[in-house]
Amino acid sequence: MKKLLLTAFLAVSVTAYSQWSKPAASPKQSIEQQFSLSKISVEYGRPGVKGRKIFGDLVPFNQVWRAGANAATKITFSQNVNFGGKIVSAGSYSLFVTPTEKEWKIMLNSVANQWGAYEYNEKMNIAEVSVPVQKLGDKQEYFEISLQPVDDHSANMIMKWDMTQVLIPIKEAKPETILKIIEKLNDIKQIEKDAAAKK
């Protein structure tokens, strides 16, 4: 009887503990932001400062960095966009950074799923943009990527860690086309509204 109870207890304990996991050194984050007629999503790992010197040391200057931890950062655009001045087709891409003290070069690579920057191939880049480094007033302990709407047609992607921040503007690839689509959607809604009113 005691063996039976012990076996049952162990079975329950294993089941309970299997639902848990050890705290991750670099927690995985997924973000999604409605953008224009669709959305933008980002998946990345969030390393912490943890008392270390980050840029120019842990993340060396003039070397390609995965823009996070573990797997390379993955960004998905559900429509064509203007990414920092470069037209990028809808799809998923890995995002890499080459940081320097004064600016970061941001690269979108057509190989969306990569582990770190170990197999990074610049020949597979579909866009490269350079943005200035901004100094933060307060330390950002964990690396963070956010998508901040500017208006109905644009947003800023902000990356910050330690005392450093960069901002990449994202806009609609063809605003005139988007406006025509919005006009058609408004016309359809009006037709549906009028039809409902007649019933």
N, C-alpha and C. Protein backbone atom coordinates (compact mmCIF):
# COMPACT_ATOMS: atom_id res chain seq x y z
N MET A 1 0.83 -1.22 0.00
CA MET A 1 0.00 0.00 0.00
C MET A 1 0.86 1.26 0.00
N LYS A 2 1.95 1.21 0.84
CA LYS A 2 2.84 2.37 0.90
C LYS A 2 3.52 2.61 -0.45
N LYS A 3 3.92 1.49 -1.11
CA LYS A 3 4.57 1.61 -2.43
C LYS A 3 3.60 2.20 -3.45
N LEU A 4 2.35 1.79 -3.36
CA LEU A 4 1.32 2.29 -4.27
C LEU A 4 1.11 3.78 -4.07
N LEU A 5 1.04 4.22 -2.81
CA LEU A 5 0.87 5.65 -2.51
C LEU A 5 2.07 6.47 -2.97
N LEU A 6 3.28 5.91 -2.75
CA LEU A 6 4.50 6.60 -3.16
C LEU A 6 4.56 6.75 -4.67
N THR A 7 4.19 5.70 -5.37
CA THR A 7 4.17 5.74 -6.85
C THR A 7 3.19 6.79 -7.34
N ALA A 8 2.01 6.83 -6.71
CA ALA A 8 0.99 7.82 -7.10
C ALA A 8 1.47 9.24 -6.83
N PHE A 9 2.12 9.42 -5.65
CA PHE A 9 2.65 10.74 -5.30
C PHE A 9 3.70 11.20 -6.30
N LEU A 10 4.61 10.30 -6.67
CA LEU A 10 5.67 10.64 -7.63
C LEU A 10 5.09 10.97 -9.00
N ALA A 11 4.07 10.23 -9.39
CA ALA A 11 3.43 10.48 -10.69
C ALA A 11 2.80 11.86 -10.72
N VAL A 12 2.10 12.22 -9.63
CA VAL A 12 1.47 13.55 -9.54
C VAL A 12 2.53 14.65 -9.51
N SER A 13 3.63 14.41 -8.77
CA SER A 13 4.70 15.40 -8.66
C SER A 13 5.37 15.65 -10.00
N VAL A 14 5.66 14.56 -10.73
CA VAL A 14 6.30 14.69 -12.05
C VAL A 14 5.40 15.47 -13.00
N THR A 15 4.10 15.15 -12.97
CA THR A 15 3.13 15.85 -13.83
C THR A 15 3.09 17.34 -13.50
N ALA A 16 3.07 17.66 -12.21
CA ALA A 16 3.01 19.07 -11.79
C ALA A 16 4.27 19.82 -12.20
N TYR A 17 5.44 19.22 -11.94
CA TYR A 17 6.70 19.90 -12.25
C TYR A 17 6.97 20.00 -13.74
N SER A 18 6.38 19.10 -14.54
CA SER A 18 6.61 19.15 -15.99
C SER A 18 5.98 20.37 -16.62
N GLN A 19 5.07 21.02 -15.89
CA GLN A 19 4.43 22.24 -16.39
C GLN A 19 5.31 23.47 -16.17
N TRP A 20 6.37 23.30 -15.40
CA TRP A 20 7.25 24.41 -15.09
C TRP A 20 8.54 24.30 -15.87
N SER A 21 9.28 25.39 -15.93
CA SER A 21 10.62 25.36 -16.52
C SER A 21 11.51 26.32 -15.74
N LYS A 22 12.79 26.08 -15.79
CA LYS A 22 13.73 26.97 -15.09
C LYS A 22 13.65 28.37 -15.69
N PRO A 23 13.84 29.42 -14.89
CA PRO A 23 13.86 30.78 -15.45
C PRO A 23 14.91 30.89 -16.56
N ALA A 24 14.52 31.48 -17.69
CA ALA A 24 15.43 31.60 -18.83
C ALA A 24 16.41 32.74 -18.59
N ALA A 25 17.66 32.53 -18.94
CA ALA A 25 18.66 33.59 -18.82
C ALA A 25 18.32 34.76 -19.74
N SER A 26 17.76 34.43 -20.91
CA SER A 26 17.34 35.44 -21.89
C SER A 26 15.92 35.10 -22.34
N PRO A 27 14.91 35.59 -21.62
CA PRO A 27 13.53 35.22 -21.92
C PRO A 27 13.14 35.52 -23.37
N LYS A 28 12.37 34.61 -23.95
CA LYS A 28 11.89 34.82 -25.31
C LYS A 28 10.67 35.74 -25.30
N GLN A 29 10.62 36.64 -26.26
CA GLN A 29 9.52 37.61 -26.32
C GLN A 29 8.94 37.60 -27.73
N SER A 30 7.63 37.66 -27.81
CA SER A 30 6.93 37.83 -29.10
C SER A 30 6.05 39.06 -28.98
N ILE A 31 6.16 39.96 -29.95
CA ILE A 31 5.32 41.17 -29.95
C ILE A 31 4.61 41.27 -31.29
N GLU A 32 3.47 41.91 -31.27
CA GLU A 32 2.70 42.08 -32.49
C GLU A 32 2.04 43.45 -32.45
N GLN A 33 2.10 44.16 -33.55
CA GLN A 33 1.51 45.50 -33.60
C GLN A 33 0.70 45.64 -34.88
N GLN A 34 -0.56 46.07 -34.73
CA GLN A 34 -1.34 46.38 -35.93
C GLN A 34 -0.66 47.51 -36.67
N PHE A 35 -0.55 47.36 -37.99
CA PHE A 35 0.13 48.37 -38.80
C PHE A 35 -0.60 48.51 -40.12
N SER A 36 -1.02 49.75 -40.42
CA SER A 36 -1.71 50.03 -41.67
C SER A 36 -2.89 49.07 -41.83
N LEU A 37 -2.90 48.26 -42.92
CA LEU A 37 -3.99 47.32 -43.14
C LEU A 37 -3.71 45.94 -42.57
N SER A 38 -2.56 45.77 -41.93
CA SER A 38 -2.20 44.43 -41.47
C SER A 38 -1.47 44.50 -40.12
N LYS A 39 -0.31 43.83 -40.01
CA LYS A 39 0.41 43.83 -38.74
C LYS A 39 1.90 43.55 -38.96
N ILE A 40 2.67 43.85 -37.92
CA ILE A 40 4.10 43.52 -37.87
C ILE A 40 4.30 42.70 -36.60
N SER A 41 5.07 41.63 -36.68
CA SER A 41 5.37 40.85 -35.49
C SER A 41 6.87 40.61 -35.38
N VAL A 42 7.35 40.50 -34.15
CA VAL A 42 8.78 40.29 -33.87
C VAL A 42 8.93 39.22 -32.81
N GLU A 43 9.88 38.29 -33.03
CA GLU A 43 10.22 37.26 -32.04
C GLU A 43 11.71 37.38 -31.75
N TYR A 44 12.06 37.47 -30.46
CA TYR A 44 13.47 37.66 -30.11
C TYR A 44 13.75 37.24 -28.67
N GLY A 45 15.02 37.06 -28.36
CA GLY A 45 15.45 36.75 -27.00
C GLY A 45 15.92 38.01 -26.30
N ARG A 46 15.70 38.08 -24.96
CA ARG A 46 15.99 39.30 -24.20
C ARG A 46 17.12 39.09 -23.19
N PRO A 47 18.36 39.26 -23.61
CA PRO A 47 19.47 39.14 -22.64
C PRO A 47 19.47 40.31 -21.66
N GLY A 48 20.04 40.09 -20.48
CA GLY A 48 20.14 41.13 -19.46
C GLY A 48 21.54 41.70 -19.37
N VAL A 49 21.65 42.89 -18.84
CA VAL A 49 22.96 43.52 -18.63
C VAL A 49 23.75 42.74 -17.58
N LYS A 50 23.13 42.50 -16.43
CA LYS A 50 23.72 41.70 -15.35
C LYS A 50 25.13 42.15 -14.96
N GLY A 51 25.30 43.48 -14.90
CA GLY A 51 26.57 44.03 -14.44
C GLY A 51 27.68 44.05 -15.48
N ARG A 52 27.37 43.65 -16.70
CA ARG A 52 28.41 43.57 -17.73
C ARG A 52 28.47 44.84 -18.58
N LYS A 53 29.60 45.07 -19.21
CA LYS A 53 29.70 46.13 -20.21
C LYS A 53 29.17 45.55 -21.51
N ILE A 54 28.19 46.22 -22.10
CA ILE A 54 27.51 45.62 -23.25
C ILE A 54 28.16 45.99 -24.58
N PHE A 55 27.90 47.20 -25.06
CA PHE A 55 28.36 47.56 -26.40
C PHE A 55 29.84 47.94 -26.40
N GLY A 56 30.55 47.32 -27.32
CA GLY A 56 32.00 47.50 -27.36
C GLY A 56 32.73 46.44 -26.56
N ASP A 57 31.95 45.53 -25.91
CA ASP A 57 32.56 44.46 -25.11
C ASP A 57 31.79 43.16 -25.33
N LEU A 58 30.70 42.92 -24.55
CA LEU A 58 29.89 41.72 -24.76
C LEU A 58 29.37 41.68 -26.20
N VAL A 59 28.90 42.82 -26.69
CA VAL A 59 28.51 42.96 -28.10
C VAL A 59 29.57 43.85 -28.75
N PRO A 60 30.55 43.25 -29.44
CA PRO A 60 31.66 44.04 -30.00
C PRO A 60 31.19 45.01 -31.09
N PHE A 61 31.86 46.13 -31.17
CA PHE A 61 31.61 47.05 -32.27
C PHE A 61 32.11 46.45 -33.57
N ASN A 62 31.45 46.82 -34.66
CA ASN A 62 31.84 46.41 -36.02
C ASN A 62 31.75 44.90 -36.27
N GLN A 63 30.95 44.20 -35.46
CA GLN A 63 30.70 42.78 -35.71
C GLN A 63 29.20 42.52 -35.74
N VAL A 64 28.80 41.56 -36.56
CA VAL A 64 27.37 41.26 -36.71
C VAL A 64 26.83 40.63 -35.42
N TRP A 65 25.69 41.15 -34.97
CA TRP A 65 25.03 40.68 -33.75
C TRP A 65 23.61 40.27 -34.09
N ARG A 66 23.09 39.26 -33.41
CA ARG A 66 21.76 38.70 -33.70
C ARG A 66 20.61 39.57 -33.21
N ALA A 67 20.90 40.72 -32.61
CA ALA A 67 19.87 41.63 -32.08
C ALA A 67 19.01 40.94 -31.03
N GLY A 68 19.68 40.34 -30.06
CA GLY A 68 18.98 39.64 -28.99
C GLY A 68 19.84 38.49 -28.50
N ALA A 69 19.20 37.38 -28.14
CA ALA A 69 19.92 36.21 -27.65
C ALA A 69 19.35 34.95 -28.29
N ASN A 70 20.17 33.90 -28.30
CA ASN A 70 19.76 32.59 -28.83
C ASN A 70 19.47 32.68 -30.33
N ALA A 71 18.25 32.34 -30.75
CA ALA A 71 17.93 32.42 -32.18
C ALA A 71 17.99 33.88 -32.64
N ALA A 72 18.32 34.06 -33.91
CA ALA A 72 18.34 35.43 -34.46
C ALA A 72 16.93 36.02 -34.39
N THR A 73 16.86 37.30 -34.19
CA THR A 73 15.57 37.99 -34.15
C THR A 73 14.84 37.80 -35.47
N LYS A 74 13.55 37.49 -35.39
CA LYS A 74 12.72 37.27 -36.58
C LYS A 74 11.64 38.33 -36.65
N ILE A 75 11.52 38.98 -37.80
CA ILE A 75 10.49 40.01 -37.98
C ILE A 75 9.64 39.64 -39.19
N THR A 76 8.33 39.81 -39.04
CA THR A 76 7.39 39.46 -40.11
C THR A 76 6.52 40.67 -40.44
N PHE A 77 6.51 41.02 -41.72
CA PHE A 77 5.66 42.10 -42.23
C PHE A 77 4.52 41.44 -43.01
N SER A 78 3.29 41.82 -42.71
CA SER A 78 2.15 41.24 -43.41
C SER A 78 1.77 42.02 -44.66
N GLN A 79 2.49 43.09 -44.93
CA GLN A 79 2.32 43.84 -46.17
C GLN A 79 3.66 44.48 -46.51
N ASN A 80 3.79 44.94 -47.74
CA ASN A 80 5.03 45.62 -48.14
C ASN A 80 5.22 46.88 -47.30
N VAL A 81 6.46 47.14 -46.89
CA VAL A 81 6.73 48.31 -46.05
C VAL A 81 7.96 49.07 -46.55
N ASN A 82 8.05 50.28 -46.08
CA ASN A 82 9.26 51.10 -46.24
C ASN A 82 9.99 51.01 -44.91
N PHE A 83 11.09 50.24 -44.89
CA PHE A 83 11.83 49.98 -43.66
C PHE A 83 13.06 50.88 -43.64
N GLY A 84 12.97 51.98 -42.90
CA GLY A 84 14.11 52.90 -42.80
C GLY A 84 14.55 53.47 -44.13
N GLY A 85 13.62 53.55 -45.09
CA GLY A 85 13.94 54.11 -46.40
C GLY A 85 14.11 53.06 -47.49
N LYS A 86 14.05 51.77 -47.12
CA LYS A 86 14.18 50.67 -48.09
C LYS A 86 12.85 49.94 -48.22
N ILE A 87 12.45 49.68 -49.47
CA ILE A 87 11.20 48.95 -49.69
C ILE A 87 11.44 47.46 -49.45
N VAL A 88 10.59 46.89 -48.59
CA VAL A 88 10.71 45.48 -48.20
C VAL A 88 9.38 44.79 -48.46
N SER A 89 9.43 43.66 -49.14
CA SER A 89 8.21 42.90 -49.45
C SER A 89 7.68 42.20 -48.21
N ALA A 90 6.38 41.95 -48.21
CA ALA A 90 5.76 41.20 -47.12
C ALA A 90 6.45 39.85 -46.97
N GLY A 91 6.63 39.41 -45.72
CA GLY A 91 7.30 38.14 -45.47
C GLY A 91 8.04 38.16 -44.15
N SER A 92 8.74 37.07 -43.86
CA SER A 92 9.52 36.94 -42.62
C SER A 92 11.01 37.02 -42.91
N TYR A 93 11.73 37.70 -42.03
CA TYR A 93 13.17 37.92 -42.19
C TYR A 93 13.86 37.80 -40.84
N SER A 94 15.14 37.43 -40.87
CA SER A 94 15.94 37.55 -39.65
C SER A 94 16.52 38.96 -39.63
N LEU A 95 16.69 39.49 -38.43
CA LEU A 95 17.17 40.86 -38.27
C LEU A 95 18.51 40.83 -37.54
N PHE A 96 19.52 41.46 -38.14
CA PHE A 96 20.85 41.52 -37.55
C PHE A 96 21.28 42.98 -37.42
N VAL A 97 22.26 43.19 -36.56
CA VAL A 97 22.77 44.54 -36.30
C VAL A 97 24.30 44.50 -36.33
N THR A 98 24.90 45.53 -36.93
CA THR A 98 26.33 45.76 -36.76
C THR A 98 26.46 47.09 -36.02
N PRO A 99 26.71 47.04 -34.70
CA PRO A 99 26.76 48.28 -33.93
C PRO A 99 28.12 48.96 -33.98
N THR A 100 28.11 50.27 -33.95
CA THR A 100 29.32 51.07 -33.70
C THR A 100 28.94 52.04 -32.59
N GLU A 101 29.86 52.83 -32.16
CA GLU A 101 29.59 53.75 -31.05
C GLU A 101 28.56 54.80 -31.41
N LYS A 102 28.54 55.22 -32.69
CA LYS A 102 27.67 56.33 -33.09
C LYS A 102 26.47 55.92 -33.92
N GLU A 103 26.52 54.74 -34.57
CA GLU A 103 25.38 54.31 -35.35
C GLU A 103 25.32 52.78 -35.44
N TRP A 104 24.13 52.27 -35.74
CA TRP A 104 23.93 50.85 -35.96
C TRP A 104 23.53 50.63 -37.41
N LYS A 105 24.09 49.60 -38.03
CA LYS A 105 23.60 49.17 -39.33
C LYS A 105 22.62 48.02 -39.07
N ILE A 106 21.40 48.17 -39.55
CA ILE A 106 20.36 47.17 -39.37
C ILE A 106 20.21 46.40 -40.68
N MET A 107 20.28 45.07 -40.60
CA MET A 107 20.17 44.24 -41.79
C MET A 107 18.98 43.30 -41.69
N LEU A 108 18.19 43.23 -42.76
CA LEU A 108 17.14 42.22 -42.87
C LEU A 108 17.66 41.15 -43.81
N ASN A 109 17.62 39.90 -43.35
CA ASN A 109 18.19 38.79 -44.09
C ASN A 109 17.08 37.83 -44.51
N SER A 110 17.15 37.34 -45.73
CA SER A 110 16.06 36.51 -46.27
C SER A 110 15.96 35.13 -45.62
N VAL A 111 17.00 34.69 -44.89
CA VAL A 111 16.93 33.41 -44.17
C VAL A 111 16.29 33.71 -42.80
N ALA A 112 15.00 33.47 -42.70
CA ALA A 112 14.24 33.93 -41.53
C ALA A 112 14.59 33.19 -40.25
N ASN A 113 14.87 31.90 -40.33
CA ASN A 113 15.12 31.11 -39.12
C ASN A 113 16.60 30.73 -39.03
N GLN A 114 17.32 31.40 -38.13
CA GLN A 114 18.74 31.14 -37.94
C GLN A 114 19.04 31.10 -36.44
N TRP A 115 20.08 30.36 -36.07
CA TRP A 115 20.52 30.33 -34.69
C TRP A 115 21.69 31.29 -34.54
N GLY A 116 21.47 32.36 -33.80
CA GLY A 116 22.53 33.35 -33.64
C GLY A 116 22.94 33.94 -34.97
N ALA A 117 24.21 34.35 -35.04
CA ALA A 117 24.74 34.92 -36.28
C ALA A 117 25.82 34.01 -36.87
N TYR A 118 25.80 32.73 -36.45
CA TYR A 118 26.87 31.82 -36.83
C TYR A 118 26.89 31.49 -38.33
N GLU A 119 25.70 31.47 -38.95
CA GLU A 119 25.63 31.18 -40.38
C GLU A 119 25.13 32.38 -41.17
N TYR A 120 25.24 33.55 -40.56
CA TYR A 120 24.82 34.78 -41.24
C TYR A 120 25.60 34.96 -42.54
N ASN A 121 24.87 35.25 -43.61
CA ASN A 121 25.48 35.47 -44.93
C ASN A 121 24.96 36.79 -45.47
N GLU A 122 25.84 37.78 -45.56
CA GLU A 122 25.40 39.11 -45.98
C GLU A 122 24.84 39.12 -47.41
N LYS A 123 25.18 38.11 -48.20
CA LYS A 123 24.67 38.03 -49.57
C LYS A 123 23.16 37.77 -49.58
N MET A 124 22.64 37.31 -48.45
CA MET A 124 21.21 37.04 -48.34
C MET A 124 20.43 38.23 -47.77
N ASN A 125 21.13 39.36 -47.52
CA ASN A 125 20.44 40.56 -47.03
C ASN A 125 19.54 41.12 -48.11
N ILE A 126 18.35 41.55 -47.71
CA ILE A 126 17.45 42.19 -48.67
C ILE A 126 17.32 43.70 -48.39
N ALA A 127 17.82 44.13 -47.24
CA ALA A 127 17.82 45.56 -46.91
C ALA A 127 18.84 45.84 -45.82
N GLU A 128 19.51 47.00 -45.96
CA GLU A 128 20.46 47.47 -44.95
C GLU A 128 20.22 48.95 -44.74
N VAL A 129 20.04 49.36 -43.48
CA VAL A 129 19.85 50.77 -43.17
C VAL A 129 20.71 51.14 -41.97
N SER A 130 21.17 52.38 -41.94
CA SER A 130 21.97 52.86 -40.81
C SER A 130 21.17 53.89 -40.03
N VAL A 131 21.21 53.78 -38.71
CA VAL A 131 20.47 54.70 -37.85
C VAL A 131 21.37 55.18 -36.72
N PRO A 132 21.20 56.43 -36.27
CA PRO A 132 22.07 56.95 -35.21
C PRO A 132 21.76 56.36 -33.85
N VAL A 133 22.79 56.28 -33.03
CA VAL A 133 22.65 55.83 -31.64
C VAL A 133 22.18 56.98 -30.77
N GLN A 134 21.23 56.70 -29.91
CA GLN A 134 20.75 57.67 -28.93
C GLN A 134 21.09 57.16 -27.54
N LYS A 135 21.51 58.05 -26.66
CA LYS A 135 21.85 57.67 -25.29
C LYS A 135 20.62 57.77 -24.39
N LEU A 136 20.39 56.75 -23.60
CA LEU A 136 19.26 56.75 -22.68
C LEU A 136 19.63 57.43 -21.36
N GLY A 137 18.63 58.02 -20.71
CA GLY A 137 18.86 58.63 -19.41
C GLY A 137 18.87 57.61 -18.29
N ASP A 138 18.11 56.50 -18.50
CA ASP A 138 18.03 55.43 -17.51
C ASP A 138 18.42 54.10 -18.15
N LYS A 139 19.05 53.26 -17.37
CA LYS A 139 19.52 51.97 -17.89
C LYS A 139 18.35 51.06 -18.23
N GLN A 140 18.43 50.41 -19.39
CA GLN A 140 17.49 49.36 -19.80
C GLN A 140 18.15 48.03 -19.50
N GLU A 141 17.70 47.35 -18.44
CA GLU A 141 18.38 46.12 -17.99
C GLU A 141 18.27 45.00 -19.01
N TYR A 142 17.08 44.75 -19.52
CA TYR A 142 16.89 43.68 -20.51
C TYR A 142 16.68 44.28 -21.90
N PHE A 143 17.37 43.70 -22.87
CA PHE A 143 17.22 44.15 -24.27
C PHE A 143 15.74 44.15 -24.64
N GLU A 144 15.32 45.21 -25.32
CA GLU A 144 13.91 45.35 -25.65
C GLU A 144 13.72 45.86 -27.07
N ILE A 145 12.78 45.25 -27.77
CA ILE A 145 12.32 45.74 -29.06
C ILE A 145 10.86 46.10 -28.90
N SER A 146 10.48 47.29 -29.34
CA SER A 146 9.08 47.69 -29.29
C SER A 146 8.68 48.31 -30.63
N LEU A 147 7.38 48.27 -30.89
CA LEU A 147 6.81 48.88 -32.10
C LEU A 147 5.85 49.96 -31.65
N GLN A 148 6.18 51.20 -31.94
CA GLN A 148 5.39 52.34 -31.47
C GLN A 148 4.70 53.04 -32.64
N PRO A 149 3.36 53.01 -32.68
CA PRO A 149 2.65 53.70 -33.77
C PRO A 149 2.95 55.21 -33.76
N VAL A 150 3.13 55.76 -34.93
CA VAL A 150 3.31 57.21 -35.08
C VAL A 150 1.99 57.83 -35.55
N ASP A 151 1.39 57.21 -36.56
CA ASP A 151 0.06 57.59 -37.05
C ASP A 151 -0.54 56.37 -37.73
N ASP A 152 -1.61 56.56 -38.51
CA ASP A 152 -2.29 55.42 -39.15
C ASP A 152 -1.42 54.74 -40.20
N HIS A 153 -0.35 55.41 -40.63
CA HIS A 153 0.41 54.91 -41.76
C HIS A 153 1.89 54.66 -41.46
N SER A 154 2.31 54.84 -40.21
CA SER A 154 3.73 54.66 -39.89
C SER A 154 3.91 54.28 -38.42
N ALA A 155 5.08 53.68 -38.16
CA ALA A 155 5.43 53.28 -36.79
C ALA A 155 6.95 53.33 -36.65
N ASN A 156 7.42 53.34 -35.43
CA ASN A 156 8.85 53.27 -35.17
C ASN A 156 9.17 51.94 -34.48
N MET A 157 10.19 51.27 -34.97
CA MET A 157 10.70 50.11 -34.25
C MET A 157 11.85 50.62 -33.39
N ILE A 158 11.76 50.39 -32.09
CA ILE A 158 12.75 50.90 -31.15
C ILE A 158 13.48 49.73 -30.49
N MET A 159 14.80 49.76 -30.54
CA MET A 159 15.62 48.77 -29.86
C MET A 159 16.43 49.48 -28.79
N LYS A 160 16.38 48.95 -27.56
CA LYS A 160 17.19 49.58 -26.52
C LYS A 160 17.74 48.54 -25.55
N TRP A 161 18.94 48.85 -25.08
CA TRP A 161 19.60 47.97 -24.12
C TRP A 161 20.71 48.76 -23.43
N ASP A 162 20.85 48.54 -22.14
CA ASP A 162 21.83 49.26 -21.34
C ASP A 162 21.53 50.76 -21.43
N MET A 163 22.45 51.56 -21.96
CA MET A 163 22.22 53.00 -22.07
C MET A 163 22.07 53.44 -23.53
N THR A 164 21.74 52.48 -24.41
CA THR A 164 21.70 52.75 -25.84
C THR A 164 20.33 52.48 -26.43
N GLN A 165 19.93 53.34 -27.37
CA GLN A 165 18.66 53.18 -28.08
C GLN A 165 18.84 53.54 -29.54
N VAL A 166 18.15 52.80 -30.42
CA VAL A 166 18.08 53.19 -31.83
C VAL A 166 16.63 53.10 -32.27
N LEU A 167 16.29 53.86 -33.30
CA LEU A 167 14.93 53.94 -33.79
C LEU A 167 14.94 53.77 -35.31
N ILE A 168 14.11 52.86 -35.82
CA ILE A 168 13.99 52.63 -37.26
C ILE A 168 12.56 52.97 -37.68
N PRO A 169 12.38 53.96 -38.56
CA PRO A 169 11.03 54.30 -39.02
C PRO A 169 10.51 53.27 -40.02
N ILE A 170 9.25 52.90 -39.84
CA ILE A 170 8.58 51.97 -40.77
C ILE A 170 7.33 52.65 -41.29
N LYS A 171 7.19 52.66 -42.61
CA LYS A 171 6.04 53.31 -43.24
C LYS A 171 5.43 52.37 -44.27
N GLU A 172 4.26 52.74 -44.77
CA GLU A 172 3.65 51.98 -45.86
C GLU A 172 4.53 52.10 -47.09
N ALA A 173 4.63 51.02 -47.85
CA ALA A 173 5.48 51.03 -49.05
C ALA A 173 4.91 51.95 -50.12
N LYS A 174 3.59 51.88 -50.32
CA LYS A 174 2.92 52.72 -51.33
C LYS A 174 1.67 53.34 -50.71
N PRO A 175 1.83 54.49 -50.04
CA PRO A 175 0.70 55.12 -49.35
C PRO A 175 -0.50 55.37 -50.25
N GLU A 176 -0.24 55.73 -51.52
CA GLU A 176 -1.35 56.04 -52.44
C GLU A 176 -2.20 54.80 -52.70
N THR A 177 -1.57 53.64 -52.77
CA THR A 177 -2.30 52.38 -52.98
C THR A 177 -3.13 52.04 -51.75
N ILE A 178 -2.54 52.24 -50.58
CA ILE A 178 -3.25 51.96 -49.32
C ILE A 178 -4.48 52.85 -49.20
N LEU A 179 -4.33 54.12 -49.55
CA LEU A 179 -5.46 55.04 -49.47
C LEU A 179 -6.61 54.61 -50.38
N LYS A 180 -6.28 54.10 -51.57
CA LYS A 180 -7.31 53.60 -52.50
C LYS A 180 -8.03 52.39 -51.91
N ILE A 181 -7.27 51.52 -51.28
CA ILE A 181 -7.87 50.33 -50.64
C ILE A 181 -8.80 50.76 -49.51
N ILE A 182 -8.35 51.73 -48.71
CA ILE A 182 -9.17 52.22 -47.59
C ILE A 182 -10.47 52.84 -48.12
N GLU A 183 -10.37 53.60 -49.22
CA GLU A 183 -11.55 54.21 -49.83
C GLU A 183 -12.54 53.13 -50.28
N LYS A 184 -12.01 52.05 -50.89
CA LYS A 184 -12.88 50.96 -51.34
C LYS A 184 -13.53 50.25 -50.15
N LEU A 185 -12.76 50.06 -49.09
CA LEU A 185 -13.31 49.43 -47.88
C LEU A 185 -14.43 50.29 -47.29
N ASN A 186 -14.22 51.61 -47.29
CA ASN A 186 -15.24 52.53 -46.77
C ASN A 186 -16.50 52.48 -47.63
N ASP A 187 -16.31 52.38 -48.97
CA ASP A 187 -17.45 52.28 -49.88
C ASP A 187 -18.24 51.00 -49.61
N ILE A 188 -17.54 49.89 -49.43
CA ILE A 188 -18.19 48.61 -49.16
C ILE A 188 -18.98 48.67 -47.86
N LYS A 189 -18.36 49.27 -46.81
CA LYS A 189 -19.04 49.39 -45.53
C LYS A 189 -20.31 50.23 -45.65
N GLN A 190 -20.23 51.29 -46.47
CA GLN A 190 -21.39 52.16 -46.66
C GLN A 190 -22.50 51.42 -47.39
N ILE A 191 -22.14 50.63 -48.40
CA ILE A 191 -23.12 49.85 -49.15
C ILE A 191 -23.82 48.85 -48.22
N GLU A 192 -22.99 48.19 -47.36
CA GLU A 192 -23.56 47.22 -46.42
C GLU A 192 -24.47 47.91 -45.41
N LYS A 193 -24.08 49.10 -45.00
CA LYS A 193 -24.90 49.87 -44.03
C LYS A 193 -26.22 50.26 -44.66
N ASP A 194 -26.17 50.73 -45.90
CA ASP A 194 -27.39 51.15 -46.61
C ASP A 194 -28.31 49.95 -46.82
N ALA A 195 -27.72 48.81 -47.18
CA ALA A 195 -28.52 47.60 -47.41
C ALA A 195 -29.20 47.14 -46.14
N ALA A 196 -28.48 47.23 -45.01
CA ALA A 196 -29.04 46.82 -43.72
C ALA A 196 -30.18 47.76 -43.32
N ALA A 197 -30.06 49.04 -43.66
CA ALA A 197 -31.07 50.03 -43.28
C ALA A 197 -32.38 49.81 -44.06
N LYS A 198 -32.27 49.23 -45.25
CA LYS A 198 -33.45 49.01 -46.10
C LYS A 198 -34.25 47.79 -45.66
N LYS A 199 -33.63 46.91 -44.88
CA LYS A 199 -34.31 45.67 -44.46
C LYS A 199 -35.41 45.97 -43.44
